[in-house]
N, C-alpha and C. Protein backbone atom coordinates (compact mmCIF):
# COMPACT_ATOMS: atom_id res chain seq x y z
N UNK A 1 15.06 -24.67 8.40
CA UNK A 1 14.14 -23.54 8.49
C UNK A 1 12.91 -23.96 9.29
N UNK A 2 12.48 -23.12 10.15
CA UNK A 2 11.30 -23.41 11.00
C UNK A 2 10.01 -23.29 10.20
N UNK A 3 8.98 -24.00 10.58
CA UNK A 3 7.70 -23.93 9.88
C UNK A 3 7.15 -22.51 9.76
N UNK A 4 7.28 -21.72 10.86
CA UNK A 4 6.79 -20.36 10.84
C UNK A 4 7.51 -19.51 9.76
N UNK A 5 8.81 -19.74 9.64
CA UNK A 5 9.59 -19.01 8.62
C UNK A 5 9.13 -19.41 7.22
N UNK A 6 8.93 -20.69 6.99
CA UNK A 6 8.46 -21.16 5.68
C UNK A 6 7.10 -20.55 5.33
N UNK A 7 6.20 -20.52 6.32
CA UNK A 7 4.88 -19.96 6.11
C UNK A 7 4.98 -18.48 5.81
N UNK A 8 5.83 -17.77 6.52
CA UNK A 8 6.02 -16.33 6.28
C UNK A 8 6.54 -16.09 4.86
N UNK A 9 7.55 -16.86 4.46
CA UNK A 9 8.12 -16.67 3.11
C UNK A 9 7.03 -16.93 2.05
N UNK A 10 6.20 -17.91 2.30
CA UNK A 10 5.12 -18.19 1.32
C UNK A 10 4.14 -17.01 1.24
N UNK A 11 3.75 -16.46 2.36
CA UNK A 11 2.86 -15.30 2.38
C UNK A 11 3.47 -14.14 1.66
N UNK A 12 4.75 -13.88 1.88
CA UNK A 12 5.44 -12.78 1.21
C UNK A 12 5.46 -13.03 -0.30
N UNK A 13 5.78 -14.24 -0.70
CA UNK A 13 5.84 -14.55 -2.14
C UNK A 13 4.48 -14.34 -2.80
N UNK A 14 3.42 -14.74 -2.14
CA UNK A 14 2.07 -14.64 -2.68
C UNK A 14 1.59 -13.22 -2.76
N UNK A 15 2.10 -12.36 -1.89
CA UNK A 15 1.57 -10.99 -1.79
C UNK A 15 2.59 -9.89 -2.05
N UNK A 16 3.77 -10.26 -2.61
CA UNK A 16 4.78 -9.23 -2.78
C UNK A 16 4.39 -8.14 -3.78
N UNK A 17 3.59 -8.46 -4.78
CA UNK A 17 3.20 -7.40 -5.71
C UNK A 17 2.21 -6.44 -5.06
N UNK A 18 1.37 -6.95 -4.17
CA UNK A 18 0.47 -6.07 -3.39
C UNK A 18 1.30 -5.15 -2.50
N UNK A 19 2.26 -5.73 -1.81
CA UNK A 19 3.12 -4.92 -0.93
C UNK A 19 3.83 -3.83 -1.74
N UNK A 20 4.37 -4.23 -2.87
CA UNK A 20 5.11 -3.26 -3.72
C UNK A 20 4.17 -2.17 -4.19
N UNK A 21 2.96 -2.55 -4.62
CA UNK A 21 2.00 -1.56 -5.13
C UNK A 21 1.65 -0.52 -4.07
N UNK A 22 1.40 -0.99 -2.85
CA UNK A 22 1.05 -0.06 -1.77
C UNK A 22 2.22 0.85 -1.49
N UNK A 23 3.41 0.30 -1.41
CA UNK A 23 4.61 1.12 -1.13
C UNK A 23 4.83 2.14 -2.27
N UNK A 24 4.59 1.73 -3.50
CA UNK A 24 4.74 2.60 -4.67
C UNK A 24 3.81 3.81 -4.52
N UNK A 25 2.57 3.56 -4.12
CA UNK A 25 1.58 4.65 -4.01
C UNK A 25 1.88 5.60 -2.85
N UNK A 26 2.71 5.19 -1.91
CA UNK A 26 3.02 6.04 -0.79
C UNK A 26 4.45 6.60 -0.85
N UNK A 27 5.05 6.57 -2.05
CA UNK A 27 6.45 6.99 -2.14
C UNK A 27 6.65 8.04 -3.19
N UNK A 28 7.78 8.65 -3.16
CA UNK A 28 8.15 9.68 -4.12
C UNK A 28 9.17 9.20 -5.17
N UNK A 29 9.94 8.15 -4.80
CA UNK A 29 10.96 7.62 -5.71
C UNK A 29 11.24 6.14 -5.43
N UNK A 30 12.10 5.57 -6.27
CA UNK A 30 12.38 4.14 -6.18
C UNK A 30 12.99 3.78 -4.82
N UNK A 31 13.91 4.58 -4.34
CA UNK A 31 14.59 4.28 -3.04
C UNK A 31 13.56 4.26 -1.91
N UNK A 32 12.62 5.17 -1.94
CA UNK A 32 11.61 5.21 -0.89
C UNK A 32 10.68 3.98 -0.98
N UNK A 33 10.36 3.56 -2.21
CA UNK A 33 9.57 2.34 -2.40
C UNK A 33 10.29 1.19 -1.71
N UNK A 34 11.56 1.02 -1.99
CA UNK A 34 12.33 -0.06 -1.42
C UNK A 34 12.42 0.03 0.10
N UNK A 35 12.55 1.23 0.61
CA UNK A 35 12.60 1.43 2.07
C UNK A 35 11.26 0.99 2.71
N UNK A 36 10.16 1.46 2.10
CA UNK A 36 8.83 1.08 2.62
C UNK A 36 8.60 -0.41 2.49
N UNK A 37 9.04 -0.99 1.40
CA UNK A 37 8.86 -2.46 1.23
C UNK A 37 9.58 -3.21 2.34
N UNK A 38 10.82 -2.80 2.59
CA UNK A 38 11.62 -3.45 3.64
C UNK A 38 10.99 -3.26 5.01
N UNK A 39 10.56 -2.05 5.29
CA UNK A 39 9.93 -1.76 6.56
C UNK A 39 8.64 -2.57 6.76
N UNK A 40 7.88 -2.73 5.66
CA UNK A 40 6.65 -3.55 5.70
C UNK A 40 7.00 -4.98 6.03
N UNK A 41 8.04 -5.53 5.40
CA UNK A 41 8.42 -6.91 5.68
C UNK A 41 8.83 -7.10 7.13
N UNK A 42 9.54 -6.13 7.65
CA UNK A 42 9.95 -6.19 9.06
C UNK A 42 8.71 -6.20 9.95
N UNK A 43 7.76 -5.30 9.67
CA UNK A 43 6.54 -5.21 10.46
C UNK A 43 5.69 -6.51 10.33
N UNK A 44 5.68 -7.05 9.12
CA UNK A 44 4.91 -8.31 8.94
C UNK A 44 5.56 -9.42 9.77
N UNK A 45 6.87 -9.48 9.74
CA UNK A 45 7.55 -10.56 10.49
C UNK A 45 7.27 -10.39 11.99
N UNK A 46 7.35 -9.15 12.49
CA UNK A 46 7.12 -8.90 13.90
C UNK A 46 5.72 -9.35 14.33
N UNK A 47 4.75 -9.18 13.45
CA UNK A 47 3.39 -9.50 13.81
C UNK A 47 2.92 -10.88 13.33
N UNK A 48 3.76 -11.55 12.58
CA UNK A 48 3.32 -12.83 11.93
C UNK A 48 2.98 -13.91 12.97
N UNK A 49 3.73 -13.96 14.03
CA UNK A 49 3.48 -14.97 15.07
C UNK A 49 2.15 -14.73 15.77
N UNK A 50 1.65 -13.52 15.75
CA UNK A 50 0.37 -13.21 16.40
C UNK A 50 -0.83 -13.25 15.45
N UNK A 51 -0.57 -13.48 14.15
CA UNK A 51 -1.65 -13.54 13.16
C UNK A 51 -2.43 -14.81 13.42
N UNK A 52 -3.71 -14.60 13.81
CA UNK A 52 -4.59 -15.71 14.21
C UNK A 52 -5.39 -16.29 13.05
N UNK A 53 -5.44 -15.62 11.96
CA UNK A 53 -6.22 -16.11 10.84
C UNK A 53 -7.69 -15.71 10.92
N UNK A 54 -8.00 -14.70 11.74
CA UNK A 54 -9.38 -14.21 11.80
C UNK A 54 -9.81 -13.62 10.46
N UNK A 55 -8.86 -13.10 9.70
CA UNK A 55 -9.10 -12.62 8.36
C UNK A 55 -8.19 -13.40 7.41
N UNK A 56 -8.30 -13.16 6.13
CA UNK A 56 -7.42 -13.86 5.20
C UNK A 56 -6.01 -13.27 5.33
N UNK A 57 -5.04 -14.03 4.86
CA UNK A 57 -3.64 -13.53 4.90
C UNK A 57 -3.55 -12.27 4.01
N UNK A 58 -4.29 -12.25 2.92
CA UNK A 58 -4.25 -11.07 2.03
C UNK A 58 -4.73 -9.82 2.73
N UNK A 59 -5.82 -9.93 3.48
CA UNK A 59 -6.38 -8.80 4.23
C UNK A 59 -5.35 -8.35 5.27
N UNK A 60 -4.74 -9.28 5.96
CA UNK A 60 -3.73 -8.96 6.96
C UNK A 60 -2.55 -8.25 6.32
N UNK A 61 -2.08 -8.72 5.16
CA UNK A 61 -0.94 -8.09 4.45
C UNK A 61 -1.32 -6.67 4.08
N UNK A 62 -2.51 -6.46 3.52
CA UNK A 62 -2.94 -5.10 3.15
C UNK A 62 -2.91 -4.19 4.41
N UNK A 63 -3.44 -4.67 5.49
CA UNK A 63 -3.54 -3.86 6.73
C UNK A 63 -2.14 -3.49 7.25
N UNK A 64 -1.26 -4.48 7.32
CA UNK A 64 0.09 -4.19 7.80
C UNK A 64 0.81 -3.21 6.86
N UNK A 65 0.68 -3.45 5.57
CA UNK A 65 1.38 -2.62 4.60
C UNK A 65 0.85 -1.17 4.65
N UNK A 66 -0.47 -1.02 4.66
CA UNK A 66 -1.06 0.35 4.72
C UNK A 66 -0.67 1.01 6.02
N UNK A 67 -0.74 0.32 7.14
CA UNK A 67 -0.39 0.89 8.44
C UNK A 67 1.10 1.33 8.42
N UNK A 68 1.93 0.52 7.85
CA UNK A 68 3.36 0.83 7.75
C UNK A 68 3.58 2.10 6.95
N UNK A 69 2.94 2.17 5.77
CA UNK A 69 3.12 3.33 4.87
C UNK A 69 2.54 4.63 5.52
N UNK A 70 1.40 4.50 6.12
CA UNK A 70 0.80 5.69 6.77
C UNK A 70 1.65 6.13 7.97
N UNK A 71 2.12 5.21 8.74
CA UNK A 71 2.96 5.56 9.90
C UNK A 71 4.28 6.16 9.43
N UNK A 72 4.84 5.63 8.36
CA UNK A 72 6.07 6.15 7.83
C UNK A 72 5.92 7.58 7.36
N UNK A 73 4.81 7.85 6.77
CA UNK A 73 4.54 9.22 6.30
C UNK A 73 4.47 10.19 7.47
N UNK A 74 3.95 9.74 8.59
CA UNK A 74 3.84 10.60 9.75
C UNK A 74 5.22 10.87 10.41
N UNK A 75 6.13 9.98 10.23
CA UNK A 75 7.43 10.14 10.93
C UNK A 75 8.61 10.25 9.95
N UNK A 76 8.38 10.79 8.75
CA UNK A 76 9.44 10.88 7.75
C UNK A 76 10.66 11.63 8.24
N UNK A 77 10.44 12.67 9.02
CA UNK A 77 11.57 13.45 9.50
C UNK A 77 12.48 12.67 10.45
N UNK A 78 11.98 11.59 11.05
CA UNK A 78 12.77 10.82 11.97
C UNK A 78 13.25 9.51 11.39
N UNK A 79 13.09 9.30 10.11
CA UNK A 79 13.41 8.03 9.46
C UNK A 79 14.91 7.75 9.52
N UNK A 80 15.28 6.49 9.76
CA UNK A 80 16.64 6.05 9.78
C UNK A 80 16.98 5.44 8.40
N UNK A 81 18.26 5.46 8.08
CA UNK A 81 18.68 4.84 6.82
C UNK A 81 18.47 3.33 6.87
N UNK A 82 18.11 2.73 5.72
CA UNK A 82 17.93 1.30 5.63
C UNK A 82 18.67 0.77 4.45
N UNK A 83 18.83 -0.54 4.46
CA UNK A 83 19.51 -1.23 3.36
C UNK A 83 18.45 -1.57 2.32
N UNK A 84 18.63 -1.13 1.06
CA UNK A 84 17.58 -1.37 0.04
C UNK A 84 17.53 -2.82 -0.40
N UNK A 85 16.30 -3.27 -0.73
CA UNK A 85 16.09 -4.58 -1.32
C UNK A 85 15.79 -4.39 -2.82
N UNK A 86 16.26 -5.27 -3.66
CA UNK A 86 15.99 -5.17 -5.09
C UNK A 86 14.71 -5.93 -5.41
N UNK A 87 13.79 -5.27 -6.14
CA UNK A 87 12.48 -5.89 -6.43
C UNK A 87 12.40 -6.30 -7.90
N UNK A 88 13.31 -5.87 -8.72
CA UNK A 88 13.28 -6.13 -10.16
C UNK A 88 12.00 -5.61 -10.83
N UNK A 89 11.40 -4.57 -10.23
CA UNK A 89 10.24 -3.89 -10.78
C UNK A 89 10.58 -2.41 -10.72
N UNK A 90 10.35 -1.69 -11.81
CA UNK A 90 10.62 -0.27 -11.77
C UNK A 90 9.55 0.48 -12.54
N UNK A 91 8.48 0.85 -11.84
CA UNK A 91 7.38 1.57 -12.47
C UNK A 91 7.77 3.03 -12.77
N UNK A 92 8.90 3.49 -12.23
CA UNK A 92 9.33 4.84 -12.48
C UNK A 92 10.05 4.97 -13.84
N UNK A 93 10.51 3.90 -14.43
CA UNK A 93 11.30 3.94 -15.66
C UNK A 93 10.50 3.90 -16.92
N UNK A 94 9.26 3.42 -16.94
CA UNK A 94 8.47 3.29 -18.15
C UNK A 94 8.10 4.70 -18.70
N UNK A 95 8.01 4.83 -20.04
CA UNK A 95 7.71 6.13 -20.64
C UNK A 95 6.58 6.06 -21.66
N UNK A 96 5.86 4.96 -21.80
CA UNK A 96 4.80 4.88 -22.80
C UNK A 96 3.58 5.70 -22.34
N UNK A 97 2.59 5.84 -23.24
CA UNK A 97 1.41 6.66 -22.98
C UNK A 97 0.60 6.18 -21.74
N UNK A 98 0.45 4.85 -21.61
CA UNK A 98 -0.25 4.33 -20.48
C UNK A 98 0.39 4.71 -19.16
N UNK A 99 1.72 4.64 -19.18
CA UNK A 99 2.49 4.96 -17.97
C UNK A 99 2.33 6.44 -17.62
N UNK A 100 2.23 7.31 -18.66
CA UNK A 100 2.04 8.75 -18.42
C UNK A 100 0.68 8.96 -17.72
N UNK A 101 -0.36 8.23 -18.16
CA UNK A 101 -1.64 8.36 -17.54
C UNK A 101 -1.62 7.84 -16.11
N UNK A 102 -0.87 6.75 -15.89
CA UNK A 102 -0.72 6.21 -14.55
C UNK A 102 -0.03 7.20 -13.64
N UNK A 103 1.00 7.83 -14.20
CA UNK A 103 1.74 8.82 -13.38
C UNK A 103 0.84 10.03 -13.03
N UNK A 104 0.00 10.46 -13.98
CA UNK A 104 -0.90 11.54 -13.71
C UNK A 104 -1.87 11.15 -12.60
N UNK A 105 -2.44 9.96 -12.68
CA UNK A 105 -3.36 9.50 -11.65
C UNK A 105 -2.62 9.38 -10.31
N UNK A 106 -1.42 8.84 -10.34
CA UNK A 106 -0.63 8.67 -9.12
C UNK A 106 -0.33 10.03 -8.50
N UNK A 107 -0.04 11.03 -9.34
CA UNK A 107 0.22 12.40 -8.82
C UNK A 107 -1.03 12.94 -8.13
N UNK A 108 -2.18 12.77 -8.73
CA UNK A 108 -3.42 13.24 -8.12
C UNK A 108 -3.71 12.49 -6.82
N UNK A 109 -3.54 11.18 -6.88
CA UNK A 109 -3.81 10.39 -5.68
C UNK A 109 -2.85 10.77 -4.56
N UNK A 110 -1.62 11.12 -4.95
CA UNK A 110 -0.60 11.54 -3.97
C UNK A 110 -0.96 12.81 -3.23
N UNK A 111 -1.87 13.57 -3.81
CA UNK A 111 -2.33 14.82 -3.13
C UNK A 111 -3.37 14.54 -2.06
N UNK A 112 -3.91 13.33 -2.06
CA UNK A 112 -4.91 12.94 -1.05
C UNK A 112 -4.21 12.67 0.30
N UNK A 113 -4.97 12.68 1.34
CA UNK A 113 -4.45 12.30 2.65
C UNK A 113 -4.16 10.83 2.68
N UNK A 114 -3.34 10.36 3.62
CA UNK A 114 -2.95 8.95 3.64
C UNK A 114 -4.11 7.95 3.74
N UNK A 115 -5.11 8.28 4.52
CA UNK A 115 -6.25 7.37 4.65
C UNK A 115 -7.04 7.25 3.36
N UNK A 116 -7.28 8.39 2.71
CA UNK A 116 -7.99 8.39 1.45
C UNK A 116 -7.18 7.68 0.36
N UNK A 117 -5.87 7.88 0.38
CA UNK A 117 -4.99 7.19 -0.57
C UNK A 117 -5.10 5.70 -0.41
N UNK A 118 -5.14 5.23 0.84
CA UNK A 118 -5.27 3.81 1.13
C UNK A 118 -6.58 3.28 0.56
N UNK A 119 -7.68 3.99 0.76
CA UNK A 119 -8.96 3.55 0.26
C UNK A 119 -8.95 3.46 -1.28
N UNK A 120 -8.42 4.48 -1.94
CA UNK A 120 -8.35 4.45 -3.38
C UNK A 120 -7.51 3.28 -3.88
N UNK A 121 -6.39 3.05 -3.27
CA UNK A 121 -5.54 1.95 -3.67
C UNK A 121 -6.26 0.61 -3.57
N UNK A 122 -6.94 0.42 -2.50
CA UNK A 122 -7.70 -0.83 -2.31
C UNK A 122 -8.80 -0.96 -3.36
N UNK A 123 -9.44 0.15 -3.66
CA UNK A 123 -10.53 0.15 -4.70
C UNK A 123 -9.94 -0.14 -6.07
N UNK A 124 -8.77 0.46 -6.33
CA UNK A 124 -8.12 0.22 -7.66
C UNK A 124 -7.67 -1.25 -7.79
N UNK A 125 -7.46 -1.90 -6.66
CA UNK A 125 -7.10 -3.31 -6.69
C UNK A 125 -8.31 -4.22 -6.77
N UNK A 126 -9.51 -3.61 -7.02
CA UNK A 126 -10.79 -4.34 -7.17
C UNK A 126 -11.19 -5.13 -5.94
N UNK A 127 -10.87 -4.60 -4.76
CA UNK A 127 -11.37 -5.21 -3.53
C UNK A 127 -12.80 -4.74 -3.34
N UNK A 128 -13.64 -5.55 -2.74
CA UNK A 128 -15.01 -5.20 -2.48
C UNK A 128 -15.04 -4.16 -1.35
N UNK A 129 -16.17 -3.43 -1.28
CA UNK A 129 -16.33 -2.42 -0.22
C UNK A 129 -16.25 -3.11 1.13
N UNK A 130 -16.75 -4.33 1.26
CA UNK A 130 -16.65 -5.06 2.51
C UNK A 130 -15.19 -5.34 2.90
N UNK A 131 -14.38 -5.75 1.89
CA UNK A 131 -12.95 -6.03 2.15
C UNK A 131 -12.23 -4.76 2.49
N UNK A 132 -12.52 -3.66 1.77
CA UNK A 132 -11.87 -2.38 2.06
C UNK A 132 -12.18 -1.95 3.48
N UNK A 133 -13.47 -2.04 3.85
CA UNK A 133 -13.87 -1.69 5.20
C UNK A 133 -13.14 -2.52 6.25
N UNK A 134 -13.02 -3.82 5.98
CA UNK A 134 -12.32 -4.71 6.96
C UNK A 134 -10.85 -4.30 7.08
N UNK A 135 -10.22 -3.93 5.98
CA UNK A 135 -8.79 -3.60 6.02
C UNK A 135 -8.55 -2.27 6.76
N UNK A 136 -9.35 -1.25 6.41
CA UNK A 136 -9.08 0.07 6.96
C UNK A 136 -9.87 0.37 8.26
N UNK A 137 -10.81 -0.54 8.62
CA UNK A 137 -11.51 -0.38 9.88
C UNK A 137 -12.69 0.56 9.84
N UNK A 138 -13.43 0.62 8.71
CA UNK A 138 -14.64 1.45 8.68
C UNK A 138 -15.76 0.59 8.09
N UNK A 139 -16.98 1.09 8.15
CA UNK A 139 -18.12 0.35 7.64
C UNK A 139 -18.18 0.38 6.12
N UNK A 140 -18.90 -0.61 5.55
CA UNK A 140 -19.05 -0.66 4.13
C UNK A 140 -19.67 0.60 3.58
N UNK A 141 -20.70 1.09 4.26
CA UNK A 141 -21.37 2.34 3.85
C UNK A 141 -20.40 3.51 3.87
N UNK A 142 -19.56 3.57 4.88
CA UNK A 142 -18.56 4.64 4.98
C UNK A 142 -17.57 4.55 3.81
N UNK A 143 -17.21 3.33 3.42
CA UNK A 143 -16.33 3.17 2.26
C UNK A 143 -16.98 3.76 1.03
N UNK A 144 -18.24 3.48 0.84
CA UNK A 144 -18.99 3.97 -0.31
C UNK A 144 -19.01 5.48 -0.35
N UNK A 145 -19.32 6.10 0.78
CA UNK A 145 -19.40 7.57 0.89
C UNK A 145 -18.01 8.17 0.64
N UNK A 146 -17.00 7.62 1.27
CA UNK A 146 -15.66 8.16 1.12
C UNK A 146 -15.16 8.05 -0.30
N UNK A 147 -15.42 6.90 -0.97
CA UNK A 147 -14.99 6.74 -2.36
C UNK A 147 -15.68 7.77 -3.26
N UNK A 148 -16.95 8.00 -3.06
CA UNK A 148 -17.64 9.00 -3.86
C UNK A 148 -16.99 10.36 -3.70
N UNK A 149 -16.72 10.75 -2.48
CA UNK A 149 -16.11 12.07 -2.19
C UNK A 149 -14.68 12.13 -2.77
N UNK A 150 -13.94 11.05 -2.64
CA UNK A 150 -12.58 11.02 -3.17
C UNK A 150 -12.58 11.13 -4.67
N UNK A 151 -13.48 10.43 -5.36
CA UNK A 151 -13.59 10.53 -6.84
C UNK A 151 -13.89 11.94 -7.24
N UNK A 152 -14.80 12.58 -6.55
CA UNK A 152 -15.13 13.97 -6.87
C UNK A 152 -13.93 14.90 -6.64
N UNK A 153 -13.21 14.64 -5.59
CA UNK A 153 -12.00 15.42 -5.30
C UNK A 153 -10.94 15.24 -6.40
N UNK A 154 -10.74 13.97 -6.83
CA UNK A 154 -9.78 13.72 -7.89
C UNK A 154 -10.15 14.39 -9.20
N UNK A 155 -11.45 14.38 -9.52
CA UNK A 155 -11.94 15.01 -10.78
C UNK A 155 -11.66 16.50 -10.75
N UNK A 156 -11.78 17.12 -9.63
CA UNK A 156 -11.64 18.58 -9.52
C UNK A 156 -10.19 19.04 -9.42
N UNK A 157 -9.23 18.12 -9.28
CA UNK A 157 -7.85 18.52 -9.11
C UNK A 157 -7.23 18.96 -10.45
N UNK A 158 -6.32 19.95 -10.37
CA UNK A 158 -5.57 20.34 -11.53
C UNK A 158 -4.30 19.48 -11.59
N UNK A 159 -3.63 19.47 -12.70
CA UNK A 159 -2.47 18.60 -12.89
C UNK A 159 -1.14 19.32 -12.58
N UNK A 160 -1.17 20.49 -12.02
CA UNK A 160 0.05 21.17 -11.67
C UNK A 160 0.56 20.66 -10.37
């Protein structure tokens, strides 16, 4: 195995839960999560040789994953069939009270536009406003303003 392949595998192992979480937030069912996960890995591999390390590997993974999910949403009607990968994680199967609350929040977040969804997801992952801005390409102040507006929008949503 080549050194680049080893390094890529290590990055994927370190960040696979982040990748899965982002794909989960941009999907409607388990199959779509797996499709997005696989598409993200392909896009990461395609760009891995060009990753210069100007940002952390984690920031790069977030950016590739969010870009993949947002792009996928734009071209859903043209999507090709893919071979699913098994993640051994199924957030769709849990039925306890906490999971019901998570599903409600996910449903509301799903009503947001892709860019706002990306910002909320990064915020929910406890990233700083500086990190969020670096990942999505906006200023820290703009992150703050957008998050305030998004929170207000989520509060005002009905659950239907």
